[in-house]
PDB file of N, CA and C in Angstrom:
ATOM      1  N   MET A   1       1.134  -1.361  -0.036  1.00  0.00           N
ATOM      2  CA  MET A   1      -0.130   0.498   0.172  1.00  0.00           C
ATOM      3  C   MET A   1       0.943   1.260   0.157  1.00  0.00           C
ATOM      4  N   GLU A   2       0.232   2.083  -0.476  1.00  0.00           N
ATOM      5  CA  GLU A   2       1.504   3.555  -0.901  1.00  0.00           C
ATOM      6  C   GLU A   2       0.481   4.259  -0.476  1.00  0.00           C
ATOM      7  N   VAL A   3       0.971   5.618   0.585  1.00  0.00           N
ATOM      8  CA  VAL A   3       0.009   6.652   1.093  1.00  0.00           C
ATOM      9  C   VAL A   3       0.726   7.544   0.725  1.00  0.00           C
ATOM     10  N   GLU A   4      -0.221   8.879   0.220  1.00  0.00           N
ATOM     11  CA  GLU A   4       0.787   9.680   0.206  1.00  0.00           C
ATOM     12  C   GLU A   4       0.292  11.653   0.460  1.00  0.00           C
ATOM     13  N   LEU A   5       0.552  11.664   1.759  1.00  0.00           N
ATOM     14  CA  LEU A   5       0.637  13.230   2.405  1.00  0.00           C
ATOM     15  C   LEU A   5       0.573  14.389   1.595  1.00  0.00           C
ATOM     16  N   THR A   6      -0.363  15.380   1.447  1.00  0.00           N
ATOM     17  CA  THR A   6       0.335  16.675   1.557  1.00  0.00           C
ATOM     18  C   THR A   6      -0.694  17.320   1.915  1.00  0.00           C
ATOM     19  N   VAL A   7      -0.081  18.707   2.110  1.00  0.00           N
ATOM     20  CA  VAL A   7      -0.613  19.700   3.072  1.00  0.00           C
ATOM     21  C   VAL A   7      -0.469  20.891   2.416  1.00  0.00           C
ATOM     22  N   ASP A   8      -1.386  21.219   2.196  1.00  0.00           N
ATOM     23  CA  ASP A   8      -0.912  23.385   1.487  1.00  0.00           C
ATOM     24  C   ASP A   8      -0.050  23.257   0.959  1.00  0.00           C
ATOM     25  N   GLY A   9      -0.455  21.847  -0.302  1.00  0.00           N
ATOM     26  CA  GLY A   9       0.645  21.655  -1.571  1.00  0.00           C
ATOM     27  C   GLY A   9       1.774  21.367  -1.556  1.00  0.00           C
ATOM     28  N   LYS A  10       2.605  20.762  -0.067  1.00  0.00           N
ATOM     29  CA  LYS A  10       3.633  20.624   0.350  1.00  0.00           C
ATOM     30  C   LYS A  10       3.442  18.727   0.576  1.00  0.00           C
ATOM     31  N   ARG A  11       3.942  17.819   0.239  1.00  0.00           N
ATOM     32  CA  ARG A  11       4.174  16.499   0.568  1.00  0.00           C
ATOM     33  C   ARG A  11       5.257  16.228   1.462  1.00  0.00           C
ATOM     34  N   ILE A  12       4.394  15.374   2.232  1.00  0.00           N
ATOM     35  CA  ILE A  12       5.226  15.149   3.187  1.00  0.00           C
ATOM     36  C   ILE A  12       5.516  13.769   3.587  1.00  0.00           C
ATOM     37  N   GLU A  13       6.677  13.748   4.077  1.00  0.00           N
ATOM     38  CA  GLU A  13       7.479  12.294   4.096  1.00  0.00           C
ATOM     39  C   GLU A  13       6.286  11.354   5.184  1.00  0.00           C
ATOM     40  N   ILE A  14       6.032  10.123   4.917  1.00  0.00           N
ATOM     41  CA  ILE A  14       5.508   9.572   6.287  1.00  0.00           C
ATOM     42  C   ILE A  14       6.078   8.219   5.717  1.00  0.00           C
ATOM     43  N   ASN A  15       6.467   7.456   7.086  1.00  0.00           N
ATOM     44  CA  ASN A  15       6.978   5.904   6.747  1.00  0.00           C
ATOM     45  C   ASN A  15       6.122   5.335   6.343  1.00  0.00           C
ATOM     46  N   HIS A  16       6.462   3.595   6.326  1.00  0.00           N
ATOM     47  CA  HIS A  16       5.464   2.184   6.442  1.00  0.00           C
ATOM     48  C   HIS A  16       4.290   1.976   7.115  1.00  0.00           C
ATOM     49  N   PHE A  17       4.852   2.706   8.676  1.00  0.00           N
ATOM     50  CA  PHE A  17       4.128   2.259   9.451  1.00  0.00           C
ATOM     51  C   PHE A  17       3.069   3.333   9.189  1.00  0.00           C
ATOM     52  N   VAL A  18       3.141   4.415   9.454  1.00  0.00           N
ATOM     53  CA  VAL A  18       2.394   5.695   9.171  1.00  0.00           C
ATOM     54  C   VAL A  18       1.298   5.419   7.852  1.00  0.00           C
ATOM     55  N   GLN A  19       1.783   4.881   6.804  1.00  0.00           N
ATOM     56  CA  GLN A  19       1.405   4.860   5.295  1.00  0.00           C
ATOM     57  C   GLN A  19      -0.011   3.262   5.759  1.00  0.00           C
ATOM     58  N   ASP A  20       0.269   2.927   6.307  1.00  0.00           N
ATOM     59  CA  ASP A  20      -0.344   1.492   6.800  1.00  0.00           C
ATOM     60  C   ASP A  20      -1.664   1.782   7.649  1.00  0.00           C
ATOM     61  N   ILE A  21      -1.136   2.783   8.653  1.00  0.00           N
ATOM     62  CA  ILE A  21      -2.486   3.118   9.968  1.00  0.00           C
ATOM     63  C   ILE A  21      -3.351   4.356   8.335  1.00  0.00           C
ATOM     64  N   LEU A  22      -2.501   5.184   7.899  1.00  0.00           N
ATOM     65  CA  LEU A  22      -3.592   6.195   7.169  1.00  0.00           C
ATOM     66  C   LEU A  22      -4.385   5.554   6.266  1.00  0.00           C
ATOM     67  N   GLY A  23      -3.810   4.496   5.439  1.00  0.00           N
ATOM     68  CA  GLY A  23      -4.683   2.994   4.300  1.00  0.00           C
ATOM     69  C   GLY A  23      -5.143   2.500   4.770  1.00  0.00           C
ATOM     70  N   SER A  24      -5.192   1.993   5.866  1.00  0.00           N
ATOM     71  CA  SER A  24      -5.827   1.151   6.277  1.00  0.00           C
ATOM     72  C   SER A  24      -7.410   1.758   7.071  1.00  0.00           C
ATOM     73  N   THR A  25      -7.127   2.187   7.478  1.00  0.00           N
ATOM     74  CA  THR A  25      -7.858   3.300   8.117  1.00  0.00           C
ATOM     75  C   THR A  25      -8.992   3.533   7.357  1.00  0.00           C
ATOM     76  N   VAL A  26      -8.900   4.875   6.131  1.00  0.00           N
ATOM     77  CA  VAL A  26      -9.414   5.089   5.344  1.00  0.00           C
ATOM     78  C   VAL A  26      -9.895   4.379   4.383  1.00  0.00           C
ATOM     79  N   LEU A  27      -9.383   3.730   3.941  1.00  0.00           N
ATOM     80  CA  LEU A  27     -10.104   2.479   2.938  1.00  0.00           C
ATOM     81  C   LEU A  27     -11.052   1.459   3.698  1.00  0.00           C
ATOM     82  N   GLY A  28     -10.911   1.137   5.014  1.00  0.00           N
ATOM     83  CA  GLY A  28     -11.802   0.437   5.891  1.00  0.00           C
ATOM     84  C   GLY A  28     -13.045   0.982   6.175  1.00  0.00           C
ATOM     85  N   ALA A  29     -12.741   2.881   6.054  1.00  0.00           N
ATOM     86  CA  ALA A  29     -14.340   3.461   6.175  1.00  0.00           C
ATOM     87  C   ALA A  29     -15.069   3.677   5.308  1.00  0.00           C
ATOM     88  N   ALA A  30     -14.293   3.835   3.953  1.00  0.00           N
ATOM     89  CA  ALA A  30     -14.741   4.217   2.151  1.00  0.00           C
ATOM     90  C   ALA A  30     -15.361   2.599   1.979  1.00  0.00           C
ATOM     91  N   ALA A  31     -14.601   1.493   2.579  1.00  0.00           N
ATOM     92  CA  ALA A  31     -15.277  -0.186   2.102  1.00  0.00           C
ATOM     93  C   ALA A  31     -16.824  -0.012   2.575  1.00  0.00           C
ATOM     94  N   THR A  32     -17.059   0.674   3.670  1.00  0.00           N
ATOM     95  CA  THR A  32     -18.304   0.495   4.694  1.00  0.00           C
ATOM     96  C   THR A  32     -19.250   1.063   3.883  1.00  0.00           C
ATOM     97  N   LEU A  33     -19.086   2.251   2.752  1.00  0.00           N
ATOM     98  CA  LEU A  33     -20.062   2.969   1.738  1.00  0.00           C
ATOM     99  C   LEU A  33     -20.060   2.266   1.032  1.00  0.00           C
ATOM    100  N   HIS A  34     -21.694   2.594   0.790  1.00  0.00           N
ATOM    101  CA  HIS A  34     -22.217   2.275  -0.447  1.00  0.00           C
ATOM    102  C   HIS A  34     -22.218   2.420  -1.843  1.00  0.00           C
ATOM    103  N   GLY A  35     -21.734   1.587  -2.663  1.00  0.00           N
ATOM    104  CA  GLY A  35     -21.131   1.849  -3.999  1.00  0.00           C
ATOM    105  C   GLY A  35     -19.242   1.735  -3.840  1.00  0.00           C
ATOM    106  N   VAL A  36     -18.795   1.645  -2.902  1.00  0.00           N
ATOM    107  CA  VAL A  36     -17.512   1.633  -3.345  1.00  0.00           C
ATOM    108  C   VAL A  36     -17.094  -0.151  -3.007  1.00  0.00           C
ATOM    109  N   ASP A  37     -16.006  -0.234  -3.822  1.00  0.00           N
ATOM    110  CA  ASP A  37     -15.891  -1.691  -4.414  1.00  0.00           C
ATOM    111  C   ASP A  37     -14.828  -2.282  -3.122  1.00  0.00           C
ATOM    112  N   LYS A  38     -14.667  -2.650  -2.648  1.00  0.00           N
ATOM    113  CA  LYS A  38     -13.667  -3.014  -1.553  1.00  0.00           C
ATOM    114  C   LYS A  38     -12.962  -3.035  -1.821  1.00  0.00           C
ATOM    115  N   ASP A  39     -12.510  -3.823  -3.654  1.00  0.00           N
ATOM    116  CA  ASP A  39     -11.218  -3.865  -4.232  1.00  0.00           C
ATOM    117  C   ASP A  39     -10.501  -3.032  -5.226  1.00  0.00           C
ATOM    118  N   CYS A  40     -11.415  -1.654  -4.408  1.00  0.00           N
ATOM    119  CA  CYS A  40     -10.731  -0.140  -4.989  1.00  0.00           C
ATOM    120  C   CYS A  40      -9.380  -0.296  -5.566  1.00  0.00           C
ATOM    121  N   LYS A  41      -8.340   0.316  -6.694  1.00  0.00           N
ATOM    122  CA  LYS A  41      -7.396   0.093  -6.754  1.00  0.00           C
ATOM    123  C   LYS A  41      -6.664   1.745  -6.070  1.00  0.00           C
ATOM    124  N   GLU A  42      -8.071   2.842  -6.531  1.00  0.00           N
ATOM    125  CA  GLU A  42      -7.246   4.216  -5.511  1.00  0.00           C
ATOM    126  C   GLU A  42      -7.989   4.859  -4.873  1.00  0.00           C
ATOM    127  N   LEU A  43      -7.868   5.508  -3.746  1.00  0.00           N
ATOM    128  CA  LEU A  43      -9.240   6.393  -2.970  1.00  0.00           C
ATOM    129  C   LEU A  43      -8.415   7.402  -3.064  1.00  0.00           C
ATOM    130  N   LEU A  44      -9.144   8.665  -3.377  1.00  0.00           N
ATOM    131  CA  LEU A  44      -8.088   9.698  -3.209  1.00  0.00           C
ATOM    132  C   LEU A  44      -9.090  10.743  -2.146  1.00  0.00           C
ATOM    133  N   VAL A  45      -8.417  11.460  -1.211  1.00  0.00           N
ATOM    134  CA  VAL A  45      -9.739  12.228   0.008  1.00  0.00           C
ATOM    135  C   VAL A  45      -8.886  13.610  -0.054  1.00  0.00           C
ATOM    136  N   LYS A  46      -9.875  14.547   0.339  1.00  0.00           N
ATOM    137  CA  LYS A  46      -9.361  15.387   0.818  1.00  0.00           C
ATOM    138  C   LYS A  46      -9.961  16.299   1.232  1.00  0.00           C
ATOM    139  N   VAL A  47      -9.731  17.624   2.409  1.00  0.00           N
ATOM    140  CA  VAL A  47      -9.869  17.391   3.437  1.00  0.00           C
ATOM    141  C   VAL A  47      -9.741  18.737   3.116  1.00  0.00           C
ATOM    142  N   LYS A  48     -10.105  20.200   3.630  1.00  0.00           N
ATOM    143  CA  LYS A  48     -10.250  21.283   3.356  1.00  0.00           C
ATOM    144  C   LYS A  48     -11.523  21.641   4.559  1.00  0.00           C
ATOM    145  N   GLN A  49     -10.252  22.970   5.276  1.00  0.00           N
ATOM    146  CA  GLN A  49     -11.238  23.314   7.042  1.00  0.00           C
ATOM    147  C   GLN A  49     -10.844  25.058   6.912  1.00  0.00           C
TER     148      GLN A  49
END
């Protein structure tokens, strides 16, 4: 699993452990939603505050 984190246009380096945690959490949450294939190849989340 490869996870990229970008904050205000700047790419933030994250280690494999953090990639696994973030990726598994987001994929797990998305997989419970109607219409989301559990075997999706890519998922993009954009958060603005």
